[in-house]
C-alpha cells in the first residue's frame, strides 16, 4: 500500500463480492472512471474474499483489471484469502500486490481514509 497517511485525494475500493455483474457494472466502472476522469488523484482496488476467486476465473474481468492497472489504479489483494482459495499466483500474475490486509485496512479505517465497499 503506497499511502496510509489519510491522503484525502486517495480512494480505496474494497471489492469483496463474488457477483460478476457487481464487478462489471459497479466496482470496475467506478474504480476505472475515478482514475481516468481524475475524480480522485489516486485510486486503489483491494480484492478480498470471493472476488479473488471470481477474478482468477474470468478472462474479461482479468482484462478489465489489467486496464485499470495500466491506468494507474493500485491493485492489492488479501493474501490470507487468496492463499485459502489457492489463487495467489494468478493474482500476482495480474500485477496485484498480494499482502496480508487485516492490519493495513484497520490502519486506513482508523485514519479516516476514503473507502467504499462492494
Protein backbone atom coordinates (compact mmCIF):
# COMPACT_ATOMS: atom_id res chain seq x y z
CA UNK A 1 0.00 0.00 0.00
CA UNK A 2 1.55 3.25 -1.04
CA UNK A 3 -0.30 5.68 1.20
CA UNK A 4 -1.56 5.26 4.73
CA UNK A 5 -1.32 8.93 5.60
CA UNK A 6 -5.03 9.58 5.19
CA UNK A 7 -4.49 11.38 1.86
CA UNK A 8 -7.91 12.98 1.17
CA UNK A 9 -7.35 12.60 -2.59
CA UNK A 10 -6.89 8.83 -2.49
CA UNK A 11 -9.80 6.43 -2.77
CA UNK A 12 -9.69 2.81 -1.65
CA UNK A 13 -12.26 0.48 -3.24
CA UNK A 14 -12.79 -2.72 -1.25
CA UNK A 15 -14.18 -5.39 -3.57
CA UNK A 16 -15.49 -8.47 -1.77
CA UNK A 17 -18.42 -9.61 -3.91
CA UNK A 18 -18.25 -12.78 -5.96
CA UNK A 19 -21.00 -11.40 -8.22
CA UNK A 20 -19.76 -10.78 -11.77
CA UNK A 21 -22.39 -8.13 -12.54
CA UNK A 22 -21.45 -6.16 -9.43
CA UNK A 23 -17.83 -6.28 -10.61
CA UNK A 24 -18.54 -5.08 -14.15
CA UNK A 25 -21.39 -2.63 -13.58
CA UNK A 26 -20.29 -1.02 -10.32
CA UNK A 27 -16.84 -1.87 -8.94
CA UNK A 28 -14.84 -1.71 -12.15
CA UNK A 29 -16.83 1.08 -13.74
CA UNK A 30 -16.44 3.40 -10.76
CA UNK A 31 -12.84 2.44 -10.00
CA UNK A 32 -11.63 2.88 -13.57
CA UNK A 33 -13.50 6.16 -14.11
CA UNK A 34 -12.35 7.53 -10.77
CA UNK A 35 -8.80 7.29 -12.03
CA UNK A 36 -9.28 8.13 -15.72
CA UNK A 37 -11.56 11.11 -15.13
CA UNK A 38 -9.49 12.47 -12.25
CA UNK A 39 -12.25 12.24 -9.66
CA UNK A 40 -9.52 11.10 -7.26
CA UNK A 41 -5.77 11.69 -7.58
CA UNK A 42 -5.03 8.13 -6.53
CA UNK A 43 -7.19 5.01 -6.56
CA UNK A 44 -6.53 1.58 -5.05
CA UNK A 45 -8.60 -1.56 -5.62
CA UNK A 46 -8.49 -4.05 -2.75
CA UNK A 47 -9.51 -7.58 -3.80
CA UNK A 48 -10.77 -9.55 -0.82
CA UNK A 49 -12.63 -12.83 -0.34
CA UNK A 50 -14.85 -14.25 -3.12
CA UNK A 51 -13.81 -11.51 -5.54
CA UNK A 52 -10.33 -13.09 -5.69
CA UNK A 53 -11.77 -16.37 -6.96
CA UNK A 54 -14.04 -14.64 -9.46
CA UNK A 55 -11.14 -12.60 -10.84
CA UNK A 56 -8.90 -15.65 -11.16
CA UNK A 57 -11.52 -17.47 -13.26
CA UNK A 58 -12.86 -14.79 -15.60
CA UNK A 59 -10.89 -13.60 -18.65
CA UNK A 60 -12.96 -10.45 -19.15
CA UNK A 61 -12.51 -9.39 -15.53
CA UNK A 62 -8.77 -10.03 -15.76
CA UNK A 63 -8.57 -7.79 -18.85
CA UNK A 64 -10.53 -5.08 -17.04
CA UNK A 65 -8.20 -5.25 -14.04
CA UNK A 66 -5.15 -5.09 -16.33
CA UNK A 67 -6.64 -1.97 -17.94
CA UNK A 68 -7.15 -0.42 -14.50
CA UNK A 69 -3.56 -1.25 -13.57
CA UNK A 70 -2.35 0.38 -16.80
CA UNK A 71 -4.45 3.47 -15.97
CA UNK A 72 -2.66 3.81 -12.64
CA UNK A 73 -5.01 2.04 -10.23
CA UNK A 74 -3.07 0.38 -7.42
CA UNK A 75 -4.07 -3.30 -7.15
CA UNK A 76 -3.99 -5.03 -3.77
CA UNK A 77 -5.34 -8.36 -2.54
CA UNK A 78 -5.69 -10.10 0.79
CA UNK A 79 -3.07 -12.87 0.98
CA UNK A 80 -4.98 -14.85 3.61
CA UNK A 81 -7.97 -15.04 1.27
CA UNK A 82 -6.03 -15.69 -1.92
CA UNK A 83 -3.98 -18.42 -0.23
CA UNK A 84 -7.14 -20.02 1.18
CA UNK A 85 -8.71 -20.03 -2.29
CA UNK A 86 -5.47 -21.13 -4.00
CA UNK A 87 -5.38 -18.13 -6.36
CA UNK A 88 -2.37 -16.14 -5.11
CA UNK A 89 -0.21 -16.87 -8.16
CA UNK A 90 -2.99 -15.93 -10.58
CA UNK A 91 -3.44 -12.57 -8.85
CA UNK A 92 0.27 -11.86 -8.74
CA UNK A 93 0.48 -12.63 -12.47
CA UNK A 94 -2.01 -9.76 -12.99
CA UNK A 95 0.30 -7.35 -11.19
CA UNK A 96 -1.67 -7.44 -7.95
CA UNK A 97 0.29 -6.86 -4.72
CA UNK A 98 -0.87 -9.77 -2.57
CA UNK A 99 -0.36 -8.89 1.11
CA UNK A 100 -1.98 -9.60 4.45
CA UNK A 101 -4.62 -6.86 4.53
CA UNK A 102 -6.09 -7.02 8.04
CA UNK A 103 -3.70 -4.58 9.68
CA UNK A 104 -3.37 -2.19 6.70
CA UNK A 105 -7.15 -1.98 6.34
CA UNK A 106 -7.52 -1.34 10.06
CA UNK A 107 -4.98 1.49 9.84
CA UNK A 108 -6.80 3.01 6.86
CA UNK A 109 -10.07 2.96 8.77
CA UNK A 110 -8.50 4.46 11.90
CA UNK A 111 -7.00 7.25 9.78
CA UNK A 112 -10.33 8.05 8.18
CA UNK A 113 -9.25 7.05 4.67
CA UNK A 114 -11.80 7.31 1.84
CA UNK A 115 -13.08 3.75 1.49
CA UNK A 116 -16.01 2.39 -0.48
CA UNK A 117 -17.01 -1.28 -0.35
CA UNK A 118 -18.74 -3.54 -2.84
